[in-house]
């Protein structure tokens, strides 16, 4: 064979070694489309948290927007499976998402922004009995009790305990107790340095029952500790739904989430709407029950942890129970046929 033929044959041989598989561009776009919205929401959440803690913007609006972003991120992951539904199913999913946001975020917003204050009065043991204007504002009121601790030197701890008793027009009485405290805590900054932080709790919020819907009367005030013998009472309308209404709403929302998971098979993934709904509702109940008159990011994070640790397992149990019941019904139907 001529030398030129041999050379041309060698040039046509393929290159040795295993070929590297190329990742399809559609896979990258799919991952980007799935994780870009929650990534943007998480970045906005952190930005508002930092600006709110630095007092660049006020805490209530930053907290309200962060709570909304948190609810939207939780709802986003299971709602991605709505594309598996037909057109009517997608319309029903949009309505479900609107109701979901209203049920989960509405109470949180009303807790951050309460209704307008009805009245503010100062109560002392010498002023008793002291009338409390509550007529015509419903069977339940929100009462903010503010104490006045005595001045102290930095580094000292001051605490006071109180007991206050109310009586309605029909003679029924109710008492509330609590504690006000200011203490300094040493927080380490590095290995040797540290700063002193003031932890203060000088106000609390309680629900005040008024079944007669008439004016109440303060009949007793007891103060013990390093505080003035005076309490400032702020009366607000109670805007949260009663438990007899909110619990059935939560149950119906869980049933709708179970139906969504079964229709889209989202329950077979980590993005179960049933688990997300139970966790979000538990977070909402925990947040609206905090005693702080003005919630902060600390209460939001605490409620989120409660929702994940308590509500998540509850949602998993609900999803598992309905899945087992559905499998039992399918099995009985096959045996009958």
Protein backbone atom coordinates (compact mmCIF):
# COMPACT_ATOMS: atom_id res chain seq x y z
CA UNK A 1 0.00 0.00 0.00
CA UNK A 2 1.38 3.46 -0.82
CA UNK A 3 2.49 5.68 2.09
CA UNK A 4 -0.08 8.38 1.24
CA UNK A 5 -2.97 5.91 1.60
CA UNK A 6 -1.73 4.83 5.00
CA UNK A 7 -1.52 8.43 6.20
CA UNK A 8 -5.00 9.28 4.99
CA UNK A 9 -6.41 6.22 6.75
CA UNK A 10 -4.80 7.25 10.03
CA UNK A 11 -6.20 10.74 9.77
CA UNK A 12 -9.74 9.38 9.51
CA UNK A 13 -9.50 7.37 12.76
CA UNK A 14 -11.63 8.79 15.58
CA UNK A 15 -9.96 10.26 18.64
CA UNK A 16 -9.38 7.79 21.44
CA UNK A 17 -10.85 8.18 24.96
CA UNK A 18 -14.39 8.27 26.35
CA UNK A 19 -16.67 11.02 25.11
CA UNK A 20 -17.93 13.52 27.72
CA UNK A 21 -21.70 13.84 27.87
CA UNK A 22 -22.92 17.37 27.48
CA UNK A 23 -25.56 18.74 29.80
CA UNK A 24 -28.64 19.77 27.97
CA UNK A 25 -29.37 23.50 28.12
CA UNK A 26 -33.01 22.75 28.87
CA UNK A 27 -32.01 21.15 32.20
CA UNK A 28 -30.17 24.31 33.26
CA UNK A 29 -33.12 26.46 32.28
CA UNK A 30 -35.46 24.20 34.24
CA UNK A 31 -33.34 24.46 37.39
CA UNK A 32 -33.03 28.22 36.98
CA UNK A 33 -36.76 28.62 36.47
CA UNK A 34 -37.52 26.50 39.55
CA UNK A 35 -35.12 28.16 42.00
CA UNK A 36 -34.84 31.74 40.77
CA UNK A 37 -38.13 33.05 42.31
CA UNK A 38 -37.48 31.66 45.84
CA UNK A 39 -33.86 32.85 45.63
CA UNK A 40 -35.01 36.39 44.83
CA UNK A 41 -37.59 36.19 47.61
CA UNK A 42 -34.99 34.96 50.09
CA UNK A 43 -32.60 37.77 49.16
CA UNK A 44 -35.37 40.34 49.62
CA UNK A 45 -36.26 38.73 52.96
CA UNK A 46 -32.69 39.08 54.24
CA UNK A 47 -32.41 42.64 52.95
CA UNK A 48 -35.58 43.74 54.76
CA UNK A 49 -34.48 41.94 57.91
CA UNK A 50 -31.12 43.76 57.95
CA UNK A 51 -32.65 47.16 57.16
CA UNK A 52 -35.32 46.67 59.82
CA UNK A 53 -32.79 45.68 62.50
CA UNK A 54 -30.58 48.66 61.63
CA UNK A 55 -33.61 51.00 61.87
CA UNK A 56 -33.06 52.14 58.29
CA UNK A 57 -36.75 51.38 57.80
CA UNK A 58 -39.36 50.91 60.49
CA UNK A 59 -39.80 47.44 61.94
CA UNK A 60 -43.58 46.95 61.28
CA UNK A 61 -43.47 47.36 57.47
CA UNK A 62 -40.26 45.31 57.20
CA UNK A 63 -41.80 42.60 59.37
CA UNK A 64 -45.05 42.61 57.39
CA UNK A 65 -43.26 42.29 54.03
CA UNK A 66 -40.98 39.57 55.36
CA UNK A 67 -43.95 37.59 56.67
CA UNK A 68 -45.61 37.88 53.26
CA UNK A 69 -42.44 36.77 51.46
CA UNK A 70 -42.12 33.81 53.81
CA UNK A 71 -45.70 32.72 53.10
CA UNK A 72 -45.23 33.10 49.33
CA UNK A 73 -42.01 31.05 49.37
CA UNK A 74 -43.69 28.26 51.33
CA UNK A 75 -46.64 28.26 48.91
CA UNK A 76 -44.48 28.46 45.78
CA UNK A 77 -42.91 25.00 45.92
CA UNK A 78 -46.11 22.89 45.95
CA UNK A 79 -47.87 25.25 43.54
CA UNK A 80 -45.25 24.47 40.88
CA UNK A 81 -47.10 21.21 40.23
CA UNK A 82 -50.28 22.99 39.15
CA UNK A 83 -49.17 22.63 35.51
CA UNK A 84 -50.24 18.98 35.73
CA UNK A 85 -53.89 20.06 36.01
CA UNK A 86 -56.30 20.95 33.25
CA UNK A 87 -57.55 24.50 32.72
CA UNK A 88 -60.39 24.31 35.27
CA UNK A 89 -58.06 22.76 37.80
CA UNK A 90 -55.61 25.61 37.34
CA UNK A 91 -58.35 28.18 37.90
CA UNK A 92 -59.34 26.36 41.09
CA UNK A 93 -55.68 26.39 42.13
CA UNK A 94 -55.54 30.18 41.72
CA UNK A 95 -58.57 30.56 43.99
CA UNK A 96 -57.02 28.15 46.48
CA UNK A 97 -53.80 30.19 46.52
CA UNK A 98 -55.74 33.41 47.19
CA UNK A 99 -57.68 31.83 50.06
CA UNK A 100 -54.46 30.26 51.37
CA UNK A 101 -52.66 33.62 51.53
CA UNK A 102 -55.68 35.28 53.16
CA UNK A 103 -55.96 32.58 55.83
CA UNK A 104 -52.24 32.37 56.57
CA UNK A 105 -51.07 35.97 56.17
CA UNK A 106 -54.22 37.88 57.16
CA UNK A 107 -53.99 37.18 60.92
CA UNK A 108 -50.26 37.95 60.87
CA UNK A 109 -50.87 41.33 59.24
CA UNK A 110 -53.63 42.19 61.72
CA UNK A 111 -51.29 41.27 64.56
CA UNK A 112 -48.56 43.59 63.25
CA UNK A 113 -51.03 46.40 62.52
CA UNK A 114 -53.78 46.30 65.17
CA UNK A 115 -56.94 48.34 64.96
CA UNK A 116 -57.12 51.93 66.23
CA UNK A 117 -56.86 52.31 69.97
CA UNK A 118 -60.12 52.83 71.83
CA UNK A 119 -58.74 54.50 74.95
CA UNK A 120 -55.71 54.79 77.23
CA UNK A 121 -56.01 55.17 80.99
CA UNK A 122 -53.65 55.11 83.99
CA UNK A 123 -54.68 52.96 86.92
CA UNK A 124 -53.33 53.17 90.48
CA UNK A 125 -54.45 51.41 93.66
CA UNK A 126 -55.78 54.75 94.93
CA UNK A 127 -57.98 55.33 91.87
CA UNK A 128 -59.96 52.10 92.25
CA UNK A 129 -62.60 51.27 91.24
CA UNK A 130 -61.67 52.61 87.82
CA UNK A 131 -64.07 52.40 84.85
CA UNK A 132 -62.80 50.97 81.58
CA UNK A 133 -64.57 52.16 78.40
CA UNK A 134 -65.42 48.92 76.57
CA UNK A 135 -69.11 49.18 75.69
CA UNK A 136 -70.03 48.36 72.10
CA UNK A 137 -66.65 46.95 71.06
CA UNK A 138 -67.47 43.25 71.04
CA UNK A 139 -67.20 40.33 73.45
CA UNK A 140 -63.37 40.34 73.36
CA UNK A 141 -60.87 43.18 73.59
CA UNK A 142 -57.09 43.39 73.29
CA UNK A 143 -55.57 44.97 76.38
CA UNK A 144 -51.98 46.26 76.43
CA UNK A 145 -50.66 46.54 79.99
CA UNK A 146 -47.61 48.78 80.38
CA UNK A 147 -45.55 49.04 83.55
CA UNK A 148 -43.19 51.76 84.74
CA UNK A 149 -39.99 50.41 86.28
CA UNK A 150 -37.96 52.57 88.64
CA UNK A 151 -34.76 54.14 87.26
CA UNK A 152 -31.66 52.04 87.79
CA UNK A 153 -27.95 52.13 87.12
CA UNK A 154 -26.54 50.33 84.05
CA UNK A 155 -25.81 46.71 84.78
CA UNK A 156 -28.56 46.30 87.36
CA UNK A 157 -31.66 44.15 87.01
CA UNK A 158 -35.10 45.52 87.84
CA UNK A 159 -38.25 43.44 87.97
CA UNK A 160 -41.83 43.86 89.11
CA UNK A 161 -44.91 41.65 89.27
CA UNK A 162 -48.51 42.74 88.92
CA UNK A 163 -52.03 41.42 89.31
CA UNK A 164 -55.02 43.30 87.95
CA UNK A 165 -58.68 42.31 88.22
CA UNK A 166 -61.61 43.40 86.05
CA UNK A 167 -65.33 43.06 86.62
CA UNK A 168 -68.08 43.31 84.03
CA UNK A 169 -71.57 44.76 84.39
CA UNK A 170 -72.99 41.40 85.47
CA UNK A 171 -70.48 40.88 88.28
CA UNK A 172 -68.16 38.40 86.53
CA UNK A 173 -64.49 39.00 87.35
CA UNK A 174 -61.25 38.03 85.65
CA UNK A 175 -57.65 38.53 86.75
CA UNK A 176 -54.40 38.83 84.82
CA UNK A 177 -50.88 38.54 86.19
CA UNK A 178 -47.50 39.22 84.67
CA UNK A 179 -43.96 40.47 85.10
CA UNK A 180 -41.97 43.46 83.89
CA UNK A 181 -38.20 43.16 83.77
CA UNK A 182 -35.10 44.97 82.57
CA UNK A 183 -31.81 43.11 82.70
CA UNK A 184 -28.35 43.45 81.21
CA UNK A 185 -26.70 40.52 79.43
CA UNK A 186 -23.07 40.18 78.43
CA UNK A 187 -22.64 39.13 74.79
CA UNK A 188 -19.23 38.00 73.63
CA UNK A 189 -17.61 39.77 70.68
CA UNK A 190 -14.57 37.69 69.81
CA UNK A 191 -12.48 35.89 72.41
CA UNK A 192 -11.83 38.71 74.88
CA UNK A 193 -14.18 41.57 74.06
CA UNK A 194 -17.87 41.79 74.90
CA UNK A 195 -20.77 44.22 74.99
CA UNK A 196 -23.63 44.68 77.42
CA UNK A 197 -27.12 44.32 75.95
CA UNK A 198 -30.30 45.52 77.63
CA UNK A 199 -33.19 43.04 77.60
CA UNK A 200 -36.44 44.76 78.52
CA UNK A 201 -40.05 43.65 78.76
CA UNK A 202 -42.14 46.48 80.15
CA UNK A 203 -45.47 45.75 78.44
CA UNK A 204 -47.63 42.76 77.69
CA UNK A 205 -50.77 42.03 75.72
CA UNK A 206 -53.74 39.97 76.94
CA UNK A 207 -57.21 39.15 75.65
CA UNK A 208 -59.94 40.69 77.80
CA UNK A 209 -63.35 38.98 77.83
CA UNK A 210 -66.44 41.17 77.84
CA UNK A 211 -69.48 38.95 77.16
CA UNK A 212 -71.93 41.66 78.28
CA UNK A 213 -70.41 44.13 75.73
CA UNK A 214 -70.64 46.92 78.30
CA UNK A 215 -68.12 48.95 80.25
CA UNK A 216 -65.72 47.11 82.55
CA UNK A 217 -64.37 48.14 85.93
CA UNK A 218 -60.88 47.71 87.38
CA UNK A 219 -61.46 46.48 90.93
CA UNK A 220 -57.97 45.39 92.06
CA UNK A 221 -54.36 46.30 91.34
CA UNK A 222 -51.41 44.76 93.15
CA UNK A 223 -47.80 45.75 92.33
CA UNK A 224 -44.69 44.17 93.80
CA UNK A 225 -41.11 44.96 92.93
CA UNK A 226 -39.08 47.89 91.67
CA UNK A 227 -41.80 49.74 89.75
CA UNK A 228 -44.26 52.56 90.18
CA UNK A 229 -47.63 51.64 91.64
CA UNK A 230 -49.22 52.54 88.34
CA UNK A 231 -50.21 50.72 85.15
CA UNK A 232 -51.05 52.22 81.76
CA UNK A 233 -53.85 50.34 80.01
CA UNK A 234 -54.41 50.57 76.25
CA UNK A 235 -57.70 49.15 74.97
CA UNK A 236 -57.90 47.90 71.35
CA UNK A 237 -60.61 46.08 69.37
CA UNK A 238 -59.97 42.37 68.98
CA UNK A 239 -59.66 41.82 65.22
CA UNK A 240 -58.64 38.15 65.18
CA UNK A 241 -61.19 35.50 64.31
CA UNK A 242 -62.43 33.34 67.20
CA UNK A 243 -61.17 29.78 67.43
CA UNK A 244 -64.64 28.43 66.62
CA UNK A 245 -64.25 30.06 63.20
CA UNK A 246 -60.52 29.85 62.51
CA UNK A 247 -60.19 26.12 63.32
CA UNK A 248 -62.88 25.04 60.78
CA UNK A 249 -61.25 27.31 58.18
CA UNK A 250 -57.90 25.63 58.87
CA UNK A 251 -59.52 22.21 58.53
CA UNK A 252 -61.11 23.07 55.19
CA UNK A 253 -57.83 24.47 53.94
CA UNK A 254 -56.07 21.23 54.88
CA UNK A 255 -58.70 19.21 53.01
CA UNK A 256 -58.20 21.39 49.93
CA UNK A 257 -54.44 20.87 50.22
CA UNK A 258 -54.94 17.10 50.39
CA UNK A 259 -57.08 17.24 47.24
CA UNK A 260 -54.41 19.30 45.46
CA UNK A 261 -51.68 16.85 46.41
CA UNK A 262 -53.72 13.90 45.16
CA UNK A 263 -54.59 15.66 41.87
CA UNK A 264 -51.02 16.74 41.09
CA UNK A 265 -49.06 13.98 42.86
CA UNK A 266 -47.25 16.73 44.78
CA UNK A 267 -47.76 14.68 47.93
CA UNK A 268 -45.30 12.12 46.54
CA UNK A 269 -42.56 14.77 46.56
CA UNK A 270 -40.96 16.91 49.25
CA UNK A 271 -43.18 19.83 48.20
CA UNK A 272 -46.45 18.61 49.73
CA UNK A 273 -49.07 21.34 50.02
CA UNK A 274 -50.64 19.52 52.98
CA UNK A 275 -47.42 19.69 55.00
CA UNK A 276 -46.79 23.29 53.92
CA UNK A 277 -50.34 24.30 54.88
CA UNK A 278 -50.18 22.68 58.32
CA UNK A 279 -46.79 24.30 59.04
CA UNK A 280 -47.95 27.73 57.85
CA UNK A 281 -51.20 27.62 59.85
CA UNK A 282 -49.35 26.56 62.99
CA UNK A 283 -46.93 29.44 62.47
CA UNK A 284 -49.87 31.83 62.12
CA UNK A 285 -51.55 30.62 65.32
CA UNK A 286 -48.26 30.86 67.21
CA UNK A 287 -47.49 34.36 65.95
CA UNK A 288 -50.87 35.87 66.76
CA UNK A 289 -50.75 34.46 70.31
CA UNK A 290 -47.48 36.13 71.36
CA UNK A 291 -47.78 38.43 74.37
CA UNK A 292 -45.57 41.20 72.99
CA UNK A 293 -47.60 44.35 72.19
CA UNK A 294 -45.47 45.01 69.11
CA UNK A 295 -44.07 41.82 67.52
CA UNK A 296 -40.54 41.83 66.12
CA UNK A 297 -38.45 39.54 63.94
CA UNK A 298 -37.71 37.48 67.02
CA UNK A 299 -41.37 36.52 67.37
CA UNK A 300 -41.62 35.80 63.64
CA UNK A 301 -38.62 33.45 63.72
CA UNK A 302 -39.92 31.75 66.85
CA UNK A 303 -43.33 31.18 65.28
CA UNK A 304 -41.67 29.85 62.12
CA UNK A 305 -39.71 27.30 64.17
CA UNK A 306 -42.90 26.24 65.97
CA UNK A 307 -44.66 25.86 62.62
CA UNK A 308 -41.88 23.68 61.20
CA UNK A 309 -41.47 21.48 64.29
CA UNK A 310 -45.15 21.12 65.20
CA UNK A 311 -47.16 21.87 62.06
CA UNK A 312 -44.93 19.91 59.70
CA UNK A 313 -45.47 16.54 61.45
CA UNK A 314 -49.19 17.30 61.77
CA UNK A 315 -49.40 17.87 58.01
CA UNK A 316 -47.48 14.68 57.36
CA UNK A 317 -49.86 12.74 59.60
CA UNK A 318 -52.90 14.20 57.81
CA UNK A 319 -51.45 13.37 54.38
CA UNK A 320 -50.54 9.84 55.48
CA UNK A 321 -53.99 9.18 57.00
CA UNK A 322 -55.83 10.30 53.86
CA UNK A 323 -53.45 8.35 51.65
CA UNK A 324 -54.04 5.18 53.68
CA UNK A 325 -57.79 5.69 53.60
CA UNK A 326 -57.75 6.20 49.83
CA UNK A 327 -55.67 3.06 49.32
CA UNK A 328 -58.10 1.07 51.48
CA UNK A 329 -61.05 2.28 49.42
CA UNK A 330 -59.29 1.37 46.18
CA UNK A 331 -58.47 -2.07 47.52
CA UNK A 332 -62.06 -2.76 48.57
CA UNK A 333 -63.32 -1.58 45.19
CA UNK A 334 -61.00 -3.97 43.36
CA UNK A 335 -62.08 -6.90 45.50
CA UNK A 336 -65.74 -6.09 44.87
CA UNK A 337 -65.19 -6.02 41.14
